[in-house]
Amino acid sequence: MLKHYYRLVYWKRRIGRALGSCRRGPRRRRPRLAPHLQPFLVFGALVAIAVAASALAGAGYDDFGWARP
């Protein structure tokens, strides 16, 4: 599988160079969020997933916990 990935990258670069879309300089690094905010974002994403899963799981029940017909 890794061989196919490297072959794909090779042909992608070769076609890019042939079309003239090659970037010839140092690649610019994308600015990252402050490293101290990353754990809070991960925690927020996990909470959002848990709330969404809970809402989907509880959608078929009324307030008393009985399944709707």
N, C-alpha and C. Protein backbone atom coordinates (compact mmCIF):
# COMPACT_ATOMS: atom_id res chain seq x y z
N MET A 1 0.82 -1.19 0.00
CA MET A 1 0.00 0.00 0.00
C MET A 1 0.88 1.26 0.00
N LEU A 2 1.94 1.22 0.76
CA LEU A 2 2.84 2.37 0.82
C LEU A 2 3.50 2.63 -0.53
N LYS A 3 3.76 1.55 -1.25
CA LYS A 3 4.36 1.70 -2.58
C LYS A 3 3.43 2.48 -3.50
N HIS A 4 2.14 2.21 -3.42
CA HIS A 4 1.17 2.91 -4.27
C HIS A 4 1.08 4.40 -3.89
N TYR A 5 1.18 4.68 -2.60
CA TYR A 5 1.15 6.07 -2.16
C TYR A 5 2.34 6.84 -2.71
N TYR A 6 3.53 6.25 -2.61
CA TYR A 6 4.72 6.92 -3.12
C TYR A 6 4.65 7.10 -4.64
N ARG A 7 4.09 6.13 -5.32
CA ARG A 7 3.94 6.24 -6.76
C ARG A 7 2.97 7.37 -7.11
N LEU A 8 1.88 7.48 -6.35
CA LEU A 8 0.92 8.56 -6.56
C LEU A 8 1.56 9.92 -6.34
N VAL A 9 2.34 10.05 -5.28
CA VAL A 9 3.02 11.32 -4.99
C VAL A 9 4.01 11.66 -6.11
N TYR A 10 4.72 10.65 -6.59
CA TYR A 10 5.69 10.86 -7.67
C TYR A 10 5.00 11.41 -8.91
N TRP A 11 3.91 10.78 -9.34
CA TRP A 11 3.23 11.22 -10.54
C TRP A 11 2.54 12.56 -10.34
N LYS A 12 2.05 12.81 -9.14
CA LYS A 12 1.43 14.11 -8.86
C LYS A 12 2.46 15.23 -9.00
N ARG A 13 3.65 15.02 -8.47
CA ARG A 13 4.71 16.03 -8.59
C ARG A 13 5.16 16.18 -10.03
N ARG A 14 5.28 15.06 -10.73
CA ARG A 14 5.74 15.12 -12.11
C ARG A 14 4.75 15.87 -12.99
N ILE A 15 3.45 15.61 -12.81
CA ILE A 15 2.44 16.33 -13.58
C ILE A 15 2.42 17.80 -13.18
N GLY A 16 2.58 18.08 -11.90
CA GLY A 16 2.62 19.46 -11.45
C GLY A 16 3.77 20.24 -12.05
N ARG A 17 4.91 19.60 -12.13
CA ARG A 17 6.07 20.27 -12.74
C ARG A 17 5.87 20.48 -14.24
N ALA A 18 5.24 19.51 -14.89
CA ALA A 18 5.00 19.63 -16.33
C ALA A 18 4.02 20.77 -16.62
N LEU A 19 3.06 20.97 -15.73
CA LEU A 19 2.08 22.04 -15.94
C LEU A 19 2.58 23.39 -15.44
N GLY A 20 3.72 23.39 -14.77
CA GLY A 20 4.30 24.65 -14.31
C GLY A 20 3.77 25.14 -12.99
N SER A 21 3.15 24.27 -12.23
CA SER A 21 2.61 24.71 -10.95
C SER A 21 3.52 24.31 -9.79
N CYS A 22 4.78 24.19 -10.08
CA CYS A 22 5.74 23.80 -9.04
C CYS A 22 6.12 25.03 -8.22
N ARG A 23 6.12 24.88 -6.93
CA ARG A 23 6.55 25.98 -6.05
C ARG A 23 8.04 25.81 -5.79
N ARG A 24 8.80 26.81 -6.17
CA ARG A 24 10.25 26.68 -6.07
C ARG A 24 10.82 27.47 -4.93
N GLY A 25 10.42 27.33 -3.81
CA GLY A 25 10.99 28.07 -2.70
C GLY A 25 10.70 27.31 -1.42
N PRO A 26 11.16 27.86 -0.34
CA PRO A 26 10.84 27.19 0.91
C PRO A 26 9.34 27.23 1.16
N ARG A 27 8.81 26.14 1.63
CA ARG A 27 7.39 26.10 1.92
C ARG A 27 7.08 26.93 3.15
N ARG A 28 6.00 27.65 3.06
CA ARG A 28 5.60 28.46 4.21
C ARG A 28 4.84 27.59 5.20
N ARG A 29 5.14 27.79 6.43
CA ARG A 29 4.44 27.04 7.47
C ARG A 29 3.15 27.76 7.82
N ARG A 30 2.10 26.99 8.00
CA ARG A 30 0.83 27.58 8.40
C ARG A 30 0.90 27.98 9.86
N PRO A 31 0.32 29.10 10.19
CA PRO A 31 0.32 29.48 11.60
C PRO A 31 -0.58 28.54 12.39
N ARG A 32 -0.10 28.13 13.54
CA ARG A 32 -0.86 27.22 14.40
C ARG A 32 -1.48 28.00 15.54
N LEU A 33 -2.53 27.41 16.08
CA LEU A 33 -3.11 28.01 17.27
C LEU A 33 -2.12 27.91 18.41
N ALA A 34 -2.33 28.71 19.38
CA ALA A 34 -1.44 28.67 20.54
C ALA A 34 -1.47 27.26 21.13
N PRO A 35 -0.32 26.69 21.42
CA PRO A 35 -0.28 25.31 21.91
C PRO A 35 -1.05 25.09 23.20
N HIS A 36 -1.19 26.13 24.01
CA HIS A 36 -1.89 25.94 25.27
C HIS A 36 -3.40 25.88 25.07
N LEU A 37 -3.91 26.25 23.88
CA LEU A 37 -5.34 26.15 23.62
C LEU A 37 -5.76 24.80 23.06
N GLN A 38 -4.80 24.04 22.56
CA GLN A 38 -5.12 22.78 21.90
C GLN A 38 -5.83 21.77 22.82
N PRO A 39 -5.41 21.57 24.08
CA PRO A 39 -6.15 20.62 24.93
C PRO A 39 -7.60 21.03 25.16
N PHE A 40 -7.86 22.33 25.26
CA PHE A 40 -9.23 22.79 25.45
C PHE A 40 -10.08 22.54 24.21
N LEU A 41 -9.48 22.70 23.03
CA LEU A 41 -10.21 22.43 21.80
C LEU A 41 -10.52 20.94 21.66
N VAL A 42 -9.57 20.09 22.02
CA VAL A 42 -9.81 18.65 21.97
C VAL A 42 -10.90 18.27 22.95
N PHE A 43 -10.86 18.81 24.15
CA PHE A 43 -11.88 18.53 25.15
C PHE A 43 -13.25 19.00 24.66
N GLY A 44 -13.31 20.18 24.08
CA GLY A 44 -14.57 20.70 23.55
C GLY A 44 -15.13 19.83 22.43
N ALA A 45 -14.24 19.32 21.58
CA ALA A 45 -14.69 18.44 20.51
C ALA A 45 -15.25 17.15 21.07
N LEU A 46 -14.60 16.59 22.08
CA LEU A 46 -15.09 15.35 22.70
C LEU A 46 -16.44 15.58 23.38
N VAL A 47 -16.60 16.70 24.04
CA VAL A 47 -17.88 17.01 24.69
C VAL A 47 -18.97 17.17 23.64
N ALA A 48 -18.66 17.84 22.54
CA ALA A 48 -19.64 18.03 21.48
C ALA A 48 -20.07 16.69 20.88
N ILE A 49 -19.13 15.78 20.69
CA ILE A 49 -19.47 14.45 20.16
C ILE A 49 -20.35 13.70 21.15
N ALA A 50 -20.02 13.77 22.44
CA ALA A 50 -20.81 13.08 23.45
C ALA A 50 -22.23 13.64 23.53
N VAL A 51 -22.38 14.96 23.45
CA VAL A 51 -23.71 15.57 23.50
C VAL A 51 -24.52 15.19 22.26
N ALA A 52 -23.88 15.20 21.10
CA ALA A 52 -24.59 14.83 19.88
C ALA A 52 -25.02 13.36 19.91
N ALA A 53 -24.14 12.47 20.39
CA ALA A 53 -24.49 11.06 20.49
C ALA A 53 -25.61 10.84 21.48
N SER A 54 -25.60 11.57 22.59
CA SER A 54 -26.66 11.46 23.58
C SER A 54 -27.99 11.95 23.01
N ALA A 55 -27.96 13.03 22.26
CA ALA A 55 -29.19 13.55 21.66
C ALA A 55 -29.76 12.57 20.64
N LEU A 56 -28.88 11.93 19.86
CA LEU A 56 -29.36 10.96 18.88
C LEU A 56 -29.89 9.70 19.56
N ALA A 57 -29.23 9.28 20.62
CA ALA A 57 -29.68 8.07 21.32
C ALA A 57 -30.98 8.32 22.06
N GLY A 58 -31.19 9.51 22.56
CA GLY A 58 -32.39 9.81 23.32
C GLY A 58 -33.54 10.33 22.49
N ALA A 59 -33.38 10.41 21.20
CA ALA A 59 -34.43 10.99 20.35
C ALA A 59 -35.67 10.10 20.28
N GLY A 60 -35.52 8.81 20.51
CA GLY A 60 -36.65 7.91 20.41
C GLY A 60 -37.42 7.73 21.70
N TYR A 61 -37.09 8.46 22.74
CA TYR A 61 -37.74 8.29 24.04
C TYR A 61 -38.39 9.60 24.46
N ASP A 62 -39.51 9.45 25.20
CA ASP A 62 -40.16 10.64 25.73
C ASP A 62 -39.55 10.99 27.08
N ASP A 63 -40.16 11.90 27.83
CA ASP A 63 -39.59 12.37 29.08
C ASP A 63 -39.53 11.31 30.16
N PHE A 64 -40.36 10.25 30.06
CA PHE A 64 -40.41 9.24 31.11
C PHE A 64 -39.56 8.02 30.79
N GLY A 65 -38.88 8.02 29.66
CA GLY A 65 -38.00 6.93 29.32
C GLY A 65 -38.67 5.79 28.58
N TRP A 66 -39.94 5.93 28.20
CA TRP A 66 -40.62 4.87 27.46
C TRP A 66 -40.41 5.09 25.97
N ALA A 67 -40.23 4.01 25.27
CA ALA A 67 -40.02 4.10 23.83
C ALA A 67 -41.31 4.54 23.16
N ARG A 68 -41.20 5.39 22.16
CA ARG A 68 -42.37 5.83 21.42
C ARG A 68 -42.78 4.73 20.44
N PRO A 69 -44.08 4.54 20.24
CA PRO A 69 -44.52 3.49 19.29
C PRO A 69 -44.32 3.90 17.85
